[in-house]
């Protein structure tokens, strides 16, 4: 029996700035071929996302929930495609920051929907799904300090609750993709988070999460839940990033080392593009963007759920279908077998598969 939402939870008590429904934006993404040949676009080339864009799939009409540290305006974004959701961490309705904070959320969000069309040709940042809509929700603190040195992506007990609230929000608002560049090895028994992921899965919502950095073979949650798609990280040559987590909970690999993304120079508080950090957080952003392309390819989330129902399948089969499409697209596997899931995905190949017809 599926549990009902707790009406005392902060998901219902915090004022929401989001509308009940999201009208898809008109497509506006345009880039020159030179932008795809630039150094900053190597991830798109490795994943064959370029071919998806050339085929007209850029995430149009797809909404992605991005629970993280919040974000801020940056020229790497088409900011009209960023929707401000609630700030569960600070108990208000504005997860944006004007200063140096919210760096992690800014970086990972830009990998999903980066679209800096005003930058000089050859230096623009192109996201995996530049025409998707990103809903920013803050569930963890924006910065570390000497008093609290735990990195932003590491979930603690309170932030596990805020992430749970964010996932439940996605279910309530029918947001089809959730990109979680966060994780914990400590609170795998936090049942609220597990139930929220199960609820999303049964609702046909694609939840993608980070498989872990510097964690060796430790299971990281929520990535290790069976209802969540877990990601490991590769580098520019396609090899596994040296500090990527491994083990049976990893399913798919995507770029996470040397990834160009939006950033802020902490000394001058100026907006920059940089590739000086790494982690499975960026792999998650790439797979979440591919999920948006895949949903667009299949007519959008609502239309795909209707089709699934007409075939006698369940909503959760949408997530199963995306998983199968990724598995059939893999362009490179890694040793030892089983440590890095199926391997490195190929977005263009994933879009070619129609698993629902194949199941009949």
Protein backbone atom coordinates (compact mmCIF):
# COMPACT_ATOMS: atom_id res chain seq x y z
CA UNK A 1 0.00 0.00 0.00
CA UNK A 2 1.52 3.31 -1.07
CA UNK A 3 1.89 5.66 1.88
CA UNK A 4 0.09 8.99 1.84
CA UNK A 5 2.05 12.24 2.21
CA UNK A 6 2.46 13.65 5.69
CA UNK A 7 0.47 16.88 5.69
CA UNK A 8 2.62 18.27 8.51
CA UNK A 9 5.72 18.03 6.33
CA UNK A 10 7.44 21.21 5.20
CA UNK A 11 6.39 20.45 1.62
CA UNK A 12 2.91 21.63 2.58
CA UNK A 13 3.81 24.31 5.14
CA UNK A 14 6.44 26.30 3.21
CA UNK A 15 5.05 28.90 0.79
CA UNK A 16 5.69 27.81 -2.78
CA UNK A 17 6.64 30.20 -5.54
CA UNK A 18 5.94 27.59 -8.20
CA UNK A 19 2.76 27.40 -10.24
CA UNK A 20 0.76 24.19 -10.14
CA UNK A 21 1.59 23.52 -13.76
CA UNK A 22 4.44 24.52 -16.04
CA UNK A 23 3.83 25.74 -19.55
CA UNK A 24 6.69 24.63 -21.79
CA UNK A 25 8.81 27.47 -23.11
CA UNK A 26 9.13 28.02 -26.81
CA UNK A 27 12.40 26.56 -28.11
CA UNK A 28 15.11 29.20 -28.35
CA UNK A 29 18.35 27.23 -28.43
CA UNK A 30 20.60 28.05 -31.36
CA UNK A 31 24.32 27.41 -31.61
CA UNK A 32 26.91 27.38 -34.33
CA UNK A 33 28.74 24.18 -35.24
CA UNK A 34 31.92 25.74 -33.89
CA UNK A 35 30.44 25.68 -30.39
CA UNK A 36 30.20 21.91 -30.49
CA UNK A 37 33.84 21.67 -31.60
CA UNK A 38 35.02 23.80 -28.68
CA UNK A 39 36.91 22.32 -25.75
CA UNK A 40 33.99 23.12 -23.45
CA UNK A 41 31.72 20.73 -25.40
CA UNK A 42 33.82 17.57 -25.06
CA UNK A 43 31.22 15.95 -22.80
CA UNK A 44 28.51 16.37 -25.43
CA UNK A 45 30.76 14.73 -27.98
CA UNK A 46 31.67 11.85 -25.66
CA UNK A 47 28.00 11.11 -24.99
CA UNK A 48 26.88 11.75 -28.60
CA UNK A 49 24.52 14.45 -27.40
CA UNK A 50 25.52 16.59 -30.38
CA UNK A 51 23.63 14.20 -32.67
CA UNK A 52 20.54 14.53 -30.46
CA UNK A 53 20.60 18.32 -30.78
CA UNK A 54 21.12 18.06 -34.53
CA UNK A 55 18.04 15.81 -34.65
CA UNK A 56 16.02 18.53 -32.91
CA UNK A 57 15.94 17.10 -29.38
CA UNK A 58 17.01 19.71 -26.81
CA UNK A 59 14.65 18.98 -23.90
CA UNK A 60 11.77 21.15 -25.05
CA UNK A 61 8.77 21.01 -22.72
CA UNK A 62 10.50 18.84 -20.08
CA UNK A 63 10.81 20.01 -16.46
CA UNK A 64 13.69 18.87 -14.24
CA UNK A 65 13.69 19.28 -10.46
CA UNK A 66 17.15 20.18 -9.18
CA UNK A 67 17.39 19.82 -5.38
CA UNK A 68 20.79 21.16 -4.41
CA UNK A 69 22.41 24.19 -2.75
CA UNK A 70 20.38 26.77 -4.65
CA UNK A 71 21.71 28.81 -7.55
CA UNK A 72 22.26 32.32 -8.89
CA UNK A 73 21.98 34.13 -12.18
CA UNK A 74 24.90 33.48 -14.49
CA UNK A 75 25.54 34.19 -18.19
CA UNK A 76 25.95 30.44 -18.79
CA UNK A 77 22.19 30.09 -18.29
CA UNK A 78 19.19 31.24 -20.20
CA UNK A 79 17.79 32.35 -16.84
CA UNK A 80 14.22 32.42 -18.14
CA UNK A 81 14.40 28.62 -18.09
CA UNK A 82 15.24 28.51 -14.38
CA UNK A 83 12.18 28.40 -12.13
CA UNK A 84 12.54 29.24 -8.45
CA UNK A 85 11.15 26.54 -6.20
CA UNK A 86 11.12 26.52 -2.41
CA UNK A 87 14.16 26.78 -0.17
CA UNK A 88 13.60 23.95 2.28
CA UNK A 89 16.96 24.52 3.93
CA UNK A 90 16.25 28.11 4.98
CA UNK A 91 12.44 27.70 5.15
CA UNK A 92 11.61 30.35 2.56
CA UNK A 93 10.69 30.47 -1.12
CA UNK A 94 13.87 31.80 -2.72
CA UNK A 95 16.75 29.38 -3.37
CA UNK A 96 18.84 32.01 -5.22
CA UNK A 97 21.91 33.91 -4.05
CA UNK A 98 23.58 37.06 -5.31
CA UNK A 99 27.08 36.38 -3.98
CA UNK A 100 29.58 33.53 -3.89
CA UNK A 101 27.21 30.99 -2.36
CA UNK A 102 25.24 28.22 -4.09
CA UNK A 103 28.25 27.21 -6.17
CA UNK A 104 27.48 23.48 -6.28
CA UNK A 105 23.92 23.99 -7.49
CA UNK A 106 25.09 26.54 -10.04
CA UNK A 107 27.72 24.19 -11.46
CA UNK A 108 25.54 21.10 -11.76
CA UNK A 109 22.54 23.03 -13.07
CA UNK A 110 24.60 24.58 -15.85
CA UNK A 111 25.62 21.13 -17.11
CA UNK A 112 21.92 20.31 -17.56
CA UNK A 113 20.57 23.46 -19.24
CA UNK A 114 23.58 25.67 -20.01
CA UNK A 115 22.87 27.96 -22.96
CA UNK A 116 25.11 31.02 -23.01
CA UNK A 117 24.11 32.35 -26.39
CA UNK A 118 25.47 35.83 -25.67
CA UNK A 119 29.05 34.57 -25.16
CA UNK A 120 31.57 34.80 -28.03
CA UNK A 121 31.33 31.95 -30.50
CA UNK A 122 33.57 29.08 -29.51
CA UNK A 123 33.38 29.83 -25.77
CA UNK A 124 29.72 29.18 -25.10
CA UNK A 125 28.55 26.59 -22.60
CA UNK A 126 26.05 24.12 -24.03
CA UNK A 127 24.02 21.99 -21.64
CA UNK A 128 22.70 18.53 -22.40
CA UNK A 129 19.09 19.78 -22.48
CA UNK A 130 19.31 23.55 -23.10
CA UNK A 131 15.59 23.91 -23.84
CA UNK A 132 14.43 22.11 -20.68
CA UNK A 133 13.08 23.95 -17.63
CA UNK A 134 15.05 23.68 -14.40
CA UNK A 135 13.27 24.00 -11.06
CA UNK A 136 15.80 25.01 -8.40
CA UNK A 137 15.07 23.79 -4.87
CA UNK A 138 17.51 24.31 -2.01
CA UNK A 139 17.89 21.31 0.29
CA UNK A 140 21.46 21.74 1.54
CA UNK A 141 23.59 24.64 2.67
CA UNK A 142 25.18 26.81 0.06
CA UNK A 143 28.74 26.88 1.34
CA UNK A 144 31.18 25.26 3.74
CA UNK A 145 33.05 27.02 6.51
CA UNK A 146 35.70 26.21 9.08
CA UNK A 147 32.84 25.65 11.51
CA UNK A 148 31.08 23.25 9.16
CA UNK A 149 33.59 21.77 6.70
CA UNK A 150 31.40 18.93 5.39
CA UNK A 151 31.11 19.31 1.58
CA UNK A 152 27.80 20.56 0.20
CA UNK A 153 26.92 17.30 -1.66
CA UNK A 154 27.12 15.20 1.53
CA UNK A 155 23.67 14.73 3.03
CA UNK A 156 23.17 14.83 6.79
CA UNK A 157 20.05 13.90 8.72
CA UNK A 158 18.31 17.26 8.31
CA UNK A 159 19.18 17.58 4.63
CA UNK A 160 17.94 14.02 4.02
CA UNK A 161 14.57 15.28 5.22
CA UNK A 162 14.72 18.33 2.96
CA UNK A 163 15.60 16.13 -0.02
CA UNK A 164 12.67 13.89 0.89
CA UNK A 165 10.41 16.94 0.86
CA UNK A 166 11.75 17.95 -2.56
CA UNK A 167 11.09 14.50 -4.05
CA UNK A 168 7.57 14.51 -2.64
CA UNK A 169 7.12 17.95 -4.18
CA UNK A 170 8.04 16.54 -7.59
CA UNK A 171 5.44 13.81 -7.19
CA UNK A 172 2.76 16.31 -6.14
CA UNK A 173 3.58 18.60 -9.09
CA UNK A 174 4.22 15.80 -11.62
CA UNK A 175 7.78 16.93 -12.40
CA UNK A 176 9.13 14.11 -14.59
CA UNK A 177 12.90 14.19 -13.84
CA UNK A 178 14.80 14.70 -10.57
CA UNK A 179 18.56 15.33 -10.72
CA UNK A 180 20.19 14.61 -7.33
CA UNK A 181 23.91 15.44 -7.20
CA UNK A 182 23.92 14.63 -3.48
CA UNK A 183 24.32 11.52 -1.36
CA UNK A 184 25.08 9.92 1.99
CA UNK A 185 26.58 6.70 3.32
CA UNK A 186 25.28 7.34 6.83
CA UNK A 187 21.52 7.48 6.58
CA UNK A 188 20.60 4.55 4.36
CA UNK A 189 18.03 3.62 7.00
CA UNK A 190 16.30 6.99 6.69
CA UNK A 191 13.00 5.45 5.63
CA UNK A 192 11.37 8.71 4.56
CA UNK A 193 13.87 9.20 1.74
CA UNK A 194 13.49 5.62 0.58
CA UNK A 195 9.69 5.89 0.57
CA UNK A 196 9.83 9.16 -1.38
CA UNK A 197 12.01 7.55 -4.05
CA UNK A 198 9.62 4.59 -4.26
CA UNK A 199 6.69 6.98 -4.58
CA UNK A 200 8.42 8.83 -7.42
CA UNK A 201 9.24 5.55 -9.17
CA UNK A 202 5.63 4.37 -8.99
CA UNK A 203 4.55 7.75 -10.40
CA UNK A 204 6.75 7.35 -13.47
CA UNK A 205 9.30 9.96 -12.37
CA UNK A 206 12.94 9.42 -13.38
CA UNK A 207 15.20 9.94 -10.35
CA UNK A 208 18.94 10.13 -11.03
CA UNK A 209 21.54 10.32 -8.23
CA UNK A 210 25.29 10.42 -7.63
CA UNK A 211 27.11 7.14 -7.02
CA UNK A 212 29.74 8.70 -4.76
CA UNK A 213 33.19 10.35 -4.73
CA UNK A 214 36.17 8.90 -2.84
CA UNK A 215 33.80 6.26 -1.42
CA UNK A 216 35.37 3.17 -3.03
CA UNK A 217 32.77 0.37 -2.89
CA UNK A 218 30.49 1.89 -0.27
CA UNK A 219 26.80 2.11 -1.17
CA UNK A 220 25.69 5.75 -1.41
CA UNK A 221 22.06 6.79 -0.98
CA UNK A 222 19.69 7.59 -2.54
CA UNK A 223 21.67 6.29 -5.55
CA UNK A 224 21.77 2.74 -4.15
CA UNK A 225 17.98 2.43 -3.91
CA UNK A 226 16.56 0.14 -6.59
CA UNK A 227 14.12 2.86 -7.66
CA UNK A 228 16.91 5.36 -8.43
CA UNK A 229 19.31 5.47 -11.40
CA UNK A 230 22.87 5.68 -10.08
CA UNK A 231 25.74 7.35 -11.95
CA UNK A 232 29.52 7.03 -11.97
CA UNK A 233 31.99 9.42 -13.59
CA UNK A 234 34.36 9.30 -16.56
CA UNK A 235 37.08 11.66 -17.73
CA UNK A 236 37.86 13.27 -21.11
CA UNK A 237 39.47 10.11 -22.50
CA UNK A 238 36.49 7.97 -21.53
CA UNK A 239 38.34 6.25 -18.69
CA UNK A 240 36.78 5.93 -15.25
CA UNK A 241 37.53 8.92 -13.02
CA UNK A 242 40.11 7.69 -10.50
CA UNK A 243 38.07 8.64 -7.41
CA UNK A 244 34.68 7.45 -8.68
CA UNK A 245 32.71 5.22 -6.34
CA UNK A 246 32.24 1.67 -7.54
CA UNK A 247 30.22 -1.42 -6.79
CA UNK A 248 26.90 -3.00 -7.56
CA UNK A 249 24.92 0.20 -6.96
CA UNK A 250 26.50 1.99 -9.96
CA UNK A 251 24.43 1.62 -13.15
CA UNK A 252 25.65 4.06 -15.80
CA UNK A 253 28.70 6.19 -16.50
CA UNK A 254 28.90 9.75 -17.83
CA UNK A 255 31.45 12.60 -17.78
CA UNK A 256 32.40 13.88 -14.34
CA UNK A 257 36.07 14.88 -14.55
CA UNK A 258 37.23 18.07 -16.26
CA UNK A 259 33.65 19.09 -17.07
CA UNK A 260 33.20 22.69 -18.19
CA UNK A 261 30.46 24.40 -16.19
CA UNK A 262 29.36 27.71 -14.79
CA UNK A 263 31.34 28.88 -11.78
CA UNK A 264 32.14 31.96 -9.72
CA UNK A 265 35.58 33.35 -8.99
CA UNK A 266 35.47 33.49 -5.19
CA UNK A 267 38.13 36.22 -5.00
CA UNK A 268 36.42 38.65 -7.37
CA UNK A 269 32.81 37.33 -7.28
CA UNK A 270 32.77 37.30 -11.09
CA UNK A 271 31.07 34.77 -13.34
CA UNK A 272 33.38 32.38 -15.18
CA UNK A 273 33.44 29.05 -17.00
CA UNK A 274 35.74 26.48 -15.44
CA UNK A 275 36.65 22.80 -15.47
CA UNK A 276 38.67 22.66 -12.26
CA UNK A 277 36.52 20.24 -10.25
CA UNK A 278 35.19 16.73 -10.69
CA UNK A 279 32.74 14.24 -9.29
CA UNK A 280 29.75 12.02 -9.92
CA UNK A 281 27.59 15.13 -9.39
CA UNK A 282 28.32 16.09 -12.99
CA UNK A 283 27.63 12.58 -14.27
CA UNK A 284 24.16 12.86 -12.71
CA UNK A 285 23.54 16.16 -14.49
CA UNK A 286 24.43 14.58 -17.83
CA UNK A 287 22.13 11.58 -17.35
CA UNK A 288 19.28 13.81 -16.13
CA UNK A 289 19.69 15.91 -19.27
CA UNK A 290 19.58 12.77 -21.41
CA UNK A 291 16.36 11.82 -19.62
CA UNK A 292 14.86 15.12 -20.80
CA UNK A 293 15.94 14.43 -24.40
CA UNK A 294 14.49 10.92 -24.17
CA UNK A 295 11.15 12.17 -22.85
CA UNK A 296 10.96 14.78 -25.61
CA UNK A 297 11.75 12.07 -28.15
CA UNK A 298 8.75 10.09 -26.87
CA UNK A 299 6.34 13.03 -26.97
CA UNK A 300 6.73 14.29 -23.41
CA UNK A 301 6.04 12.85 -19.98
CA UNK A 302 2.24 13.09 -19.96
CA UNK A 303 1.87 11.70 -23.47
CA UNK A 304 4.24 8.85 -22.69
CA UNK A 305 2.32 7.96 -19.51
CA UNK A 306 -0.91 7.88 -21.54
CA UNK A 307 0.72 5.60 -24.10
CA UNK A 308 2.05 3.31 -21.37
CA UNK A 309 -1.41 3.05 -19.84
CA UNK A 310 -2.92 2.23 -23.24
CA UNK A 311 -0.46 -0.67 -23.53
CA UNK A 312 -1.57 -2.06 -20.19
CA UNK A 313 1.67 -1.09 -18.47
CA UNK A 314 2.20 0.78 -15.20
CA UNK A 315 3.64 4.25 -14.64
CA UNK A 316 6.83 2.78 -13.19
CA UNK A 317 7.43 1.14 -16.57
CA UNK A 318 8.35 4.58 -17.88
CA UNK A 319 11.43 4.52 -15.62
CA UNK A 320 12.13 0.91 -16.60
CA UNK A 321 11.94 1.95 -20.24
CA UNK A 322 14.45 4.74 -19.78
CA UNK A 323 16.79 2.37 -17.95
CA UNK A 324 16.55 -0.16 -20.76
CA UNK A 325 17.17 2.50 -23.40
CA UNK A 326 20.34 3.56 -21.58
CA UNK A 327 21.48 -0.05 -21.15
CA UNK A 328 21.02 -0.76 -24.86
CA UNK A 329 22.95 2.39 -25.76
CA UNK A 330 26.17 1.66 -23.86
CA UNK A 331 29.24 2.38 -25.98
CA UNK A 332 31.92 1.23 -23.55
CA UNK A 333 32.02 -1.19 -20.60
CA UNK A 334 34.60 -1.16 -17.80
CA UNK A 335 36.59 -3.64 -15.77
CA UNK A 336 36.25 -5.17 -13.30
CA UNK A 337 32.87 -6.31 -14.53
CA UNK A 338 30.05 -5.16 -12.28
CA UNK A 339 31.93 -2.30 -10.62
CA UNK A 340 30.77 0.42 -13.02
CA UNK A 341 27.37 -0.81 -14.11
CA UNK A 342 26.56 -1.16 -17.77
CA UNK A 343 29.15 1.45 -18.74
CA UNK A 344 29.36 4.73 -20.65
CA UNK A 345 26.06 5.68 -22.29
CA UNK A 346 25.38 6.98 -25.81
CA UNK A 347 22.55 9.50 -25.79
CA UNK A 348 21.80 9.29 -29.49
CA UNK A 349 21.52 5.52 -29.38
CA UNK A 350 19.29 5.72 -26.28
CA UNK A 351 16.84 7.91 -28.19
CA UNK A 352 16.55 5.32 -30.96
CA UNK A 353 15.03 2.67 -28.70
CA UNK A 354 11.31 2.21 -28.09
CA UNK A 355 11.32 -0.29 -25.24
CA UNK A 356 7.55 -0.26 -24.85
CA UNK A 357 6.97 -1.69 -28.29
CA UNK A 358 9.78 -4.18 -27.70
CA UNK A 359 8.02 -5.46 -24.57
CA UNK A 360 4.80 -6.31 -26.44
